[in-house]
């Protein structure tokens, strides 16, 4: 399954990512999209390289103070009560300085440390769709 920027999920996800980015910019020293941060390090990165690096580094990078180590945020927009979570995120988005930002229409954004969510997600039932592994979960859990 190839990424389709015109799909409902992509549009909803990018909108949520923009909302999280704006919210974090009002609260922290420096906040930038990960893709922009990566390009500031290496302007020659191609789009497919950025896509792969984004799987490890998330969507947003935050500096709480100017000299602090960065914190990385992966935005997860939930469309319905029951959702799927890519196993690739569980395997690649790890670290003490990484957080998931979960959001859904009408709900407050929830920030969860990646170690906590990944440990929980590993216990969820898995399934394959379009050759990719996912975990089943619902907002009620």
N, C-alpha and C. Protein backbone atom coordinates (compact mmCIF):
# COMPACT_ATOMS: atom_id res chain seq x y z
N UNK A 1 0.85 -1.18 0.00
CA UNK A 1 0.00 0.00 0.00
C UNK A 1 0.90 1.24 0.00
N UNK A 2 0.79 2.01 -1.04
CA UNK A 2 1.58 3.22 -1.18
C UNK A 2 0.84 4.40 -0.56
N UNK A 3 1.61 5.32 0.00
CA UNK A 3 1.02 6.52 0.61
C UNK A 3 0.27 7.33 -0.43
N UNK A 4 -0.96 7.67 -0.14
CA UNK A 4 -1.78 8.49 -1.02
C UNK A 4 -2.10 9.80 -0.30
N UNK A 5 -1.44 10.90 -0.69
CA UNK A 5 -1.66 12.18 0.01
C UNK A 5 -3.08 12.72 -0.13
N UNK A 6 -3.86 12.16 -1.05
CA UNK A 6 -5.24 12.63 -1.25
C UNK A 6 -6.27 11.78 -0.52
N UNK A 7 -5.82 10.74 0.18
CA UNK A 7 -6.77 9.88 0.90
C UNK A 7 -7.33 10.61 2.13
N UNK A 8 -8.50 10.17 2.57
CA UNK A 8 -9.12 10.75 3.76
C UNK A 8 -8.19 10.66 4.95
N UNK A 9 -7.53 9.50 5.13
CA UNK A 9 -6.65 9.30 6.28
C UNK A 9 -5.45 10.26 6.22
N UNK A 10 -4.87 10.44 5.02
CA UNK A 10 -3.71 11.33 4.89
C UNK A 10 -4.10 12.77 5.17
N UNK A 11 -5.22 13.20 4.63
CA UNK A 11 -5.67 14.59 4.85
C UNK A 11 -5.95 14.82 6.32
N UNK A 12 -6.65 13.89 6.95
CA UNK A 12 -6.96 13.99 8.38
C UNK A 12 -5.68 13.97 9.21
N UNK A 13 -4.74 13.09 8.87
CA UNK A 13 -3.49 12.99 9.61
C UNK A 13 -2.64 14.23 9.51
N UNK A 14 -2.52 14.79 8.30
CA UNK A 14 -1.72 16.01 8.13
C UNK A 14 -2.36 17.21 8.81
N UNK A 15 -3.69 17.26 8.81
CA UNK A 15 -4.39 18.33 9.52
C UNK A 15 -4.11 18.23 11.02
N UNK A 16 -4.17 17.02 11.56
CA UNK A 16 -3.89 16.83 12.99
C UNK A 16 -2.44 17.18 13.30
N UNK A 17 -1.53 16.77 12.44
CA UNK A 17 -0.11 17.09 12.64
C UNK A 17 0.10 18.61 12.68
N UNK A 18 -0.56 19.35 11.80
CA UNK A 18 -0.45 20.81 11.80
C UNK A 18 -1.01 21.40 13.10
N UNK A 19 -2.11 20.84 13.61
CA UNK A 19 -2.69 21.32 14.86
C UNK A 19 -1.74 21.08 16.03
N UNK A 20 -1.13 19.91 16.09
CA UNK A 20 -0.18 19.59 17.16
C UNK A 20 1.03 20.51 17.06
N UNK A 21 1.53 20.72 15.85
CA UNK A 21 2.68 21.60 15.64
C UNK A 21 2.38 23.01 16.15
N UNK A 22 1.22 23.56 15.80
CA UNK A 22 0.84 24.91 16.26
C UNK A 22 0.73 24.96 17.79
N UNK A 23 0.12 23.93 18.37
CA UNK A 23 -0.05 23.89 19.82
C UNK A 23 1.30 23.85 20.53
N UNK A 24 2.20 23.00 20.04
CA UNK A 24 3.52 22.88 20.66
C UNK A 24 4.34 24.14 20.50
N UNK A 25 4.19 24.84 19.38
CA UNK A 25 4.93 26.09 19.15
C UNK A 25 4.56 27.15 20.18
N UNK A 26 3.34 27.07 20.70
CA UNK A 26 2.91 28.03 21.72
C UNK A 26 3.43 27.69 23.10
N UNK A 27 4.03 26.52 23.27
CA UNK A 27 4.43 26.05 24.59
C UNK A 27 5.92 25.84 24.78
N UNK A 28 6.67 25.69 23.69
CA UNK A 28 8.09 25.33 23.82
C UNK A 28 8.99 26.27 23.05
N UNK A 29 10.26 26.21 23.39
CA UNK A 29 11.29 27.08 22.84
C UNK A 29 11.36 27.02 21.32
N UNK A 30 11.53 25.83 20.79
CA UNK A 30 11.63 25.66 19.34
C UNK A 30 10.91 24.39 18.93
N UNK A 31 10.13 24.49 17.88
CA UNK A 31 9.34 23.36 17.37
C UNK A 31 9.39 23.42 15.85
N UNK A 32 9.70 22.29 15.23
CA UNK A 32 9.78 22.27 13.77
C UNK A 32 9.38 20.90 13.24
N UNK A 33 8.86 20.84 12.02
CA UNK A 33 8.60 19.54 11.42
C UNK A 33 9.90 18.75 11.26
N UNK A 34 9.86 17.47 11.50
CA UNK A 34 11.06 16.63 11.39
C UNK A 34 11.67 16.71 10.00
N UNK A 35 10.84 16.74 8.98
CA UNK A 35 11.37 16.81 7.61
C UNK A 35 12.23 18.07 7.42
N UNK A 36 11.77 19.20 7.94
CA UNK A 36 12.55 20.44 7.84
C UNK A 36 13.85 20.33 8.62
N UNK A 37 13.79 19.73 9.80
CA UNK A 37 14.99 19.53 10.63
C UNK A 37 15.99 18.64 9.91
N UNK A 38 15.51 17.54 9.32
CA UNK A 38 16.41 16.64 8.60
C UNK A 38 17.04 17.34 7.40
N UNK A 39 16.25 18.14 6.68
CA UNK A 39 16.79 18.86 5.52
C UNK A 39 17.79 19.94 5.94
N UNK A 40 17.64 20.48 7.16
CA UNK A 40 18.62 21.46 7.63
C UNK A 40 19.97 20.79 7.93
N UNK A 41 19.93 19.50 8.23
CA UNK A 41 21.15 18.73 8.47
C UNK A 41 21.76 18.27 7.15
N UNK A 42 20.90 17.83 6.22
CA UNK A 42 21.37 17.34 4.92
C UNK A 42 20.37 17.75 3.84
N UNK A 43 20.61 18.89 3.19
CA UNK A 43 19.67 19.39 2.17
C UNK A 43 19.53 18.48 0.95
N UNK A 44 20.42 17.51 0.79
CA UNK A 44 20.36 16.65 -0.40
C UNK A 44 19.45 15.44 -0.21
N UNK A 45 18.82 15.30 0.95
CA UNK A 45 17.94 14.15 1.17
C UNK A 45 16.77 14.16 0.20
N UNK A 46 16.52 13.01 -0.40
CA UNK A 46 15.40 12.85 -1.33
C UNK A 46 14.13 12.54 -0.54
N UNK A 47 13.00 12.69 -1.19
CA UNK A 47 11.71 12.47 -0.54
C UNK A 47 11.60 11.06 0.05
N UNK A 48 12.03 10.04 -0.69
CA UNK A 48 11.94 8.67 -0.17
C UNK A 48 12.87 8.47 1.02
N UNK A 49 14.00 9.15 1.05
CA UNK A 49 14.90 9.07 2.21
C UNK A 49 14.24 9.74 3.42
N UNK A 50 13.61 10.88 3.20
CA UNK A 50 12.90 11.57 4.28
C UNK A 50 11.79 10.69 4.83
N UNK A 51 11.07 10.00 3.95
CA UNK A 51 10.00 9.10 4.39
C UNK A 51 10.54 8.02 5.32
N UNK A 52 11.67 7.43 4.96
CA UNK A 52 12.28 6.38 5.80
C UNK A 52 12.77 6.94 7.13
N UNK A 53 13.42 8.09 7.10
CA UNK A 53 13.93 8.70 8.34
C UNK A 53 12.79 9.13 9.26
N UNK A 54 11.69 9.56 8.67
CA UNK A 54 10.54 10.00 9.45
C UNK A 54 9.95 8.84 10.26
N UNK A 55 10.11 7.61 9.78
CA UNK A 55 9.62 6.45 10.53
C UNK A 55 10.36 6.31 11.86
N UNK A 56 11.60 6.71 11.90
CA UNK A 56 12.41 6.63 13.13
C UNK A 56 12.28 7.87 13.99
N UNK A 57 12.21 9.05 13.35
CA UNK A 57 12.25 10.31 14.09
C UNK A 57 10.89 10.95 14.32
N UNK A 58 9.84 10.45 13.68
CA UNK A 58 8.50 10.99 13.91
C UNK A 58 8.18 12.17 13.02
N UNK A 59 7.22 12.98 13.45
CA UNK A 59 6.71 14.09 12.65
C UNK A 59 7.21 15.46 13.09
N UNK A 60 7.47 15.61 14.38
CA UNK A 60 7.79 16.93 14.94
C UNK A 60 8.97 16.79 15.90
N UNK A 61 9.87 17.76 15.86
CA UNK A 61 10.98 17.81 16.82
C UNK A 61 10.81 19.06 17.68
N UNK A 62 11.01 18.88 19.00
CA UNK A 62 10.77 19.94 19.99
C UNK A 62 12.01 20.13 20.84
N UNK A 63 12.39 21.39 21.06
CA UNK A 63 13.43 21.71 22.04
C UNK A 63 12.74 22.47 23.16
N UNK A 64 12.78 21.91 24.36
CA UNK A 64 12.13 22.52 25.51
C UNK A 64 12.87 23.79 25.90
N UNK A 65 14.20 23.74 25.87
CA UNK A 65 15.07 24.90 26.09
C UNK A 65 16.12 24.89 24.98
N UNK A 66 16.78 26.02 24.72
CA UNK A 66 17.70 26.09 23.58
C UNK A 66 18.80 25.03 23.56
N UNK A 67 19.34 24.66 24.68
CA UNK A 67 20.45 23.70 24.71
C UNK A 67 20.03 22.30 25.12
N UNK A 68 18.76 22.06 25.24
CA UNK A 68 18.27 20.74 25.65
C UNK A 68 18.34 19.76 24.48
N UNK A 69 18.37 18.48 24.81
CA UNK A 69 18.26 17.45 23.78
C UNK A 69 16.86 17.52 23.19
N UNK A 70 16.73 17.22 21.91
CA UNK A 70 15.40 17.29 21.29
C UNK A 70 14.48 16.17 21.74
N UNK A 71 13.19 16.46 21.64
CA UNK A 71 12.13 15.49 21.91
C UNK A 71 11.39 15.31 20.58
N UNK A 72 11.04 14.07 20.26
CA UNK A 72 10.40 13.79 18.99
C UNK A 72 8.96 13.33 19.22
N UNK A 73 8.06 13.79 18.34
CA UNK A 73 6.63 13.49 18.47
C UNK A 73 6.13 12.86 17.17
N UNK A 74 5.46 11.74 17.31
CA UNK A 74 4.80 11.06 16.19
C UNK A 74 3.30 11.27 16.35
N UNK A 75 2.67 11.90 15.37
CA UNK A 75 1.25 12.20 15.45
C UNK A 75 0.42 11.04 14.92
N UNK A 76 -0.62 10.66 15.68
CA UNK A 76 -1.49 9.55 15.32
C UNK A 76 -2.93 10.06 15.40
N UNK A 77 -3.54 10.21 14.24
CA UNK A 77 -4.91 10.70 14.16
C UNK A 77 -5.85 9.51 14.05
N UNK A 78 -6.78 9.42 14.99
CA UNK A 78 -7.73 8.31 15.02
C UNK A 78 -9.03 8.74 14.37
N UNK A 79 -9.48 7.94 13.42
CA UNK A 79 -10.68 8.32 12.70
C UNK A 79 -11.95 7.83 13.35
N UNK A 80 -11.93 6.64 13.89
CA UNK A 80 -13.14 6.02 14.41
C UNK A 80 -12.83 5.35 15.74
N UNK A 81 -13.84 4.75 16.33
CA UNK A 81 -13.67 4.06 17.61
C UNK A 81 -12.62 2.95 17.51
N UNK A 82 -12.69 2.16 16.45
CA UNK A 82 -11.72 1.09 16.24
C UNK A 82 -10.70 1.54 15.21
N UNK A 83 -9.43 1.31 15.53
CA UNK A 83 -8.35 1.77 14.66
C UNK A 83 -7.31 0.69 14.49
N UNK A 84 -6.37 0.99 13.62
CA UNK A 84 -5.22 0.11 13.43
C UNK A 84 -3.96 0.93 13.63
N UNK A 85 -2.93 0.28 14.13
CA UNK A 85 -1.67 0.95 14.42
C UNK A 85 -0.56 0.17 13.73
N UNK A 86 0.26 0.81 12.88
CA UNK A 86 1.29 0.09 12.14
C UNK A 86 2.35 -0.53 13.05
N UNK A 87 2.62 -1.79 12.83
CA UNK A 87 3.68 -2.48 13.58
C UNK A 87 5.04 -1.82 13.33
N UNK A 88 5.22 -1.23 12.16
CA UNK A 88 6.49 -0.57 11.86
C UNK A 88 6.77 0.56 12.85
N UNK A 89 5.74 1.25 13.33
CA UNK A 89 5.95 2.31 14.32
C UNK A 89 6.40 1.72 15.65
N UNK A 90 5.80 0.60 16.02
CA UNK A 90 6.18 -0.07 17.27
C UNK A 90 7.66 -0.45 17.22
N UNK A 91 8.12 -0.88 16.07
CA UNK A 91 9.50 -1.35 15.93
C UNK A 91 10.51 -0.22 15.73
N UNK A 92 10.09 0.89 15.13
CA UNK A 92 11.06 1.93 14.74
C UNK A 92 11.02 3.19 15.59
N UNK A 93 9.88 3.53 16.16
CA UNK A 93 9.77 4.78 16.92
C UNK A 93 9.94 4.47 18.40
N UNK A 94 11.19 4.42 18.83
CA UNK A 94 11.52 4.03 20.21
C UNK A 94 12.53 5.01 20.80
N UNK A 95 12.46 5.20 22.11
CA UNK A 95 13.44 6.02 22.80
C UNK A 95 12.81 6.84 23.91
N UNK A 96 13.62 7.19 24.88
CA UNK A 96 13.14 7.96 26.03
C UNK A 96 12.68 9.36 25.65
N UNK A 97 13.16 9.86 24.52
CA UNK A 97 12.82 11.22 24.09
C UNK A 97 11.79 11.22 22.96
N UNK A 98 10.97 10.15 22.89
CA UNK A 98 9.97 10.04 21.82
C UNK A 98 8.59 9.82 22.41
N UNK A 99 7.62 10.57 21.85
CA UNK A 99 6.24 10.53 22.34
C UNK A 99 5.28 10.42 21.16
N UNK A 100 4.19 9.71 21.39
CA UNK A 100 3.08 9.69 20.44
C UNK A 100 2.08 10.76 20.87
N UNK A 101 1.53 11.48 19.89
CA UNK A 101 0.43 12.41 20.13
C UNK A 101 -0.79 11.80 19.47
N UNK A 102 -1.74 11.30 20.28
CA UNK A 102 -2.96 10.70 19.77
C UNK A 102 -4.07 11.74 19.77
N UNK A 103 -4.82 11.78 18.70
CA UNK A 103 -5.93 12.72 18.62
C UNK A 103 -7.06 12.17 17.79
N UNK A 104 -8.25 12.70 18.05
CA UNK A 104 -9.45 12.34 17.29
C UNK A 104 -10.40 13.51 17.33
N UNK A 105 -11.31 13.51 16.40
CA UNK A 105 -12.28 14.60 16.28
C UNK A 105 -13.02 14.81 17.60
N UNK A 106 -12.93 16.02 18.13
CA UNK A 106 -13.65 16.36 19.35
C UNK A 106 -12.96 15.95 20.64
N UNK A 107 -11.81 15.31 20.56
CA UNK A 107 -11.10 14.87 21.77
C UNK A 107 -9.81 15.65 21.96
N UNK A 108 -9.36 15.71 23.21
CA UNK A 108 -8.10 16.38 23.52
C UNK A 108 -6.94 15.49 23.11
N UNK A 109 -5.86 16.09 22.66
CA UNK A 109 -4.66 15.34 22.28
C UNK A 109 -4.06 14.70 23.52
N UNK A 110 -3.69 13.44 23.38
CA UNK A 110 -3.05 12.68 24.47
C UNK A 110 -1.62 12.37 24.08
N UNK A 111 -0.67 12.75 24.91
CA UNK A 111 0.74 12.47 24.67
C UNK A 111 1.15 11.27 25.52
N UNK A 112 1.71 10.25 24.87
CA UNK A 112 2.08 9.01 25.55
C UNK A 112 3.52 8.68 25.18
N UNK A 113 4.39 8.41 26.18
CA UNK A 113 5.77 8.01 25.87
C UNK A 113 5.78 6.79 24.94
N UNK A 114 6.70 6.79 23.99
CA UNK A 114 6.74 5.69 23.02
C UNK A 114 6.96 4.35 23.70
N UNK A 115 7.79 4.30 24.73
CA UNK A 115 8.04 3.02 25.41
C UNK A 115 6.76 2.46 26.02
N UNK A 116 5.94 3.33 26.59
CA UNK A 116 4.68 2.91 27.21
C UNK A 116 3.71 2.40 26.14
N UNK A 117 3.51 3.20 25.07
CA UNK A 117 2.57 2.78 24.03
C UNK A 117 3.06 1.52 23.31
N UNK A 118 4.34 1.48 22.98
CA UNK A 118 4.87 0.32 22.24
C UNK A 118 4.72 -0.96 23.06
N UNK A 119 4.95 -0.89 24.37
CA UNK A 119 4.78 -2.07 25.23
C UNK A 119 3.31 -2.52 25.22
N UNK A 120 2.40 -1.57 25.27
CA UNK A 120 0.97 -1.88 25.22
C UNK A 120 0.61 -2.46 23.85
N UNK A 121 1.07 -1.81 22.78
CA UNK A 121 0.72 -2.22 21.42
C UNK A 121 1.20 -3.63 21.11
N UNK A 122 2.33 -4.02 21.68
CA UNK A 122 2.84 -5.39 21.43
C UNK A 122 1.89 -6.46 21.96
N UNK A 123 1.01 -6.10 22.88
CA UNK A 123 0.05 -7.05 23.44
C UNK A 123 -1.25 -7.12 22.64
N UNK A 124 -1.44 -6.20 21.71
CA UNK A 124 -2.66 -6.16 20.93
C UNK A 124 -2.61 -7.19 19.80
N UNK A 125 -3.80 -7.61 19.38
CA UNK A 125 -3.91 -8.56 18.27
C UNK A 125 -3.35 -7.92 16.99
N UNK A 126 -2.59 -8.71 16.25
CA UNK A 126 -2.03 -8.20 15.00
C UNK A 126 -2.78 -8.79 13.81
N UNK A 127 -2.69 -8.09 12.68
CA UNK A 127 -3.26 -8.56 11.43
C UNK A 127 -2.48 -7.93 10.28
N UNK A 128 -2.64 -8.48 9.09
CA UNK A 128 -1.94 -7.97 7.92
C UNK A 128 -2.96 -7.36 6.95
N UNK A 129 -2.57 -6.25 6.35
CA UNK A 129 -3.38 -5.60 5.33
C UNK A 129 -2.44 -5.03 4.29
N UNK A 130 -2.67 -5.37 3.04
CA UNK A 130 -1.80 -4.93 1.94
C UNK A 130 -0.34 -5.30 2.21
N UNK A 131 -0.12 -6.44 2.85
CA UNK A 131 1.24 -6.91 3.11
C UNK A 131 1.94 -6.26 4.29
N UNK A 132 1.25 -5.39 5.01
CA UNK A 132 1.84 -4.71 6.18
C UNK A 132 1.16 -5.20 7.45
N UNK A 133 1.94 -5.29 8.52
CA UNK A 133 1.39 -5.73 9.80
C UNK A 133 0.88 -4.52 10.59
N UNK A 134 -0.29 -4.72 11.21
CA UNK A 134 -0.92 -3.70 12.04
C UNK A 134 -1.34 -4.33 13.37
N UNK A 135 -1.65 -3.47 14.34
CA UNK A 135 -2.23 -3.87 15.61
C UNK A 135 -3.62 -3.27 15.71
N UNK A 136 -4.59 -4.07 16.19
CA UNK A 136 -5.96 -3.59 16.37
C UNK A 136 -6.09 -2.95 17.74
N UNK A 137 -6.73 -1.78 17.79
CA UNK A 137 -7.01 -1.16 19.08
C UNK A 137 -8.22 -0.24 18.95
N UNK A 138 -8.77 0.11 20.09
CA UNK A 138 -9.91 1.02 20.11
C UNK A 138 -9.67 2.08 21.17
N UNK A 139 -10.34 3.19 21.03
CA UNK A 139 -10.17 4.30 22.00
C UNK A 139 -10.66 3.90 23.38
N UNK A 140 -11.55 2.93 23.46
CA UNK A 140 -12.11 2.52 24.74
C UNK A 140 -11.13 1.77 25.63
N UNK A 141 -10.02 1.32 25.08
CA UNK A 141 -9.06 0.55 25.88
C UNK A 141 -8.10 1.44 26.60
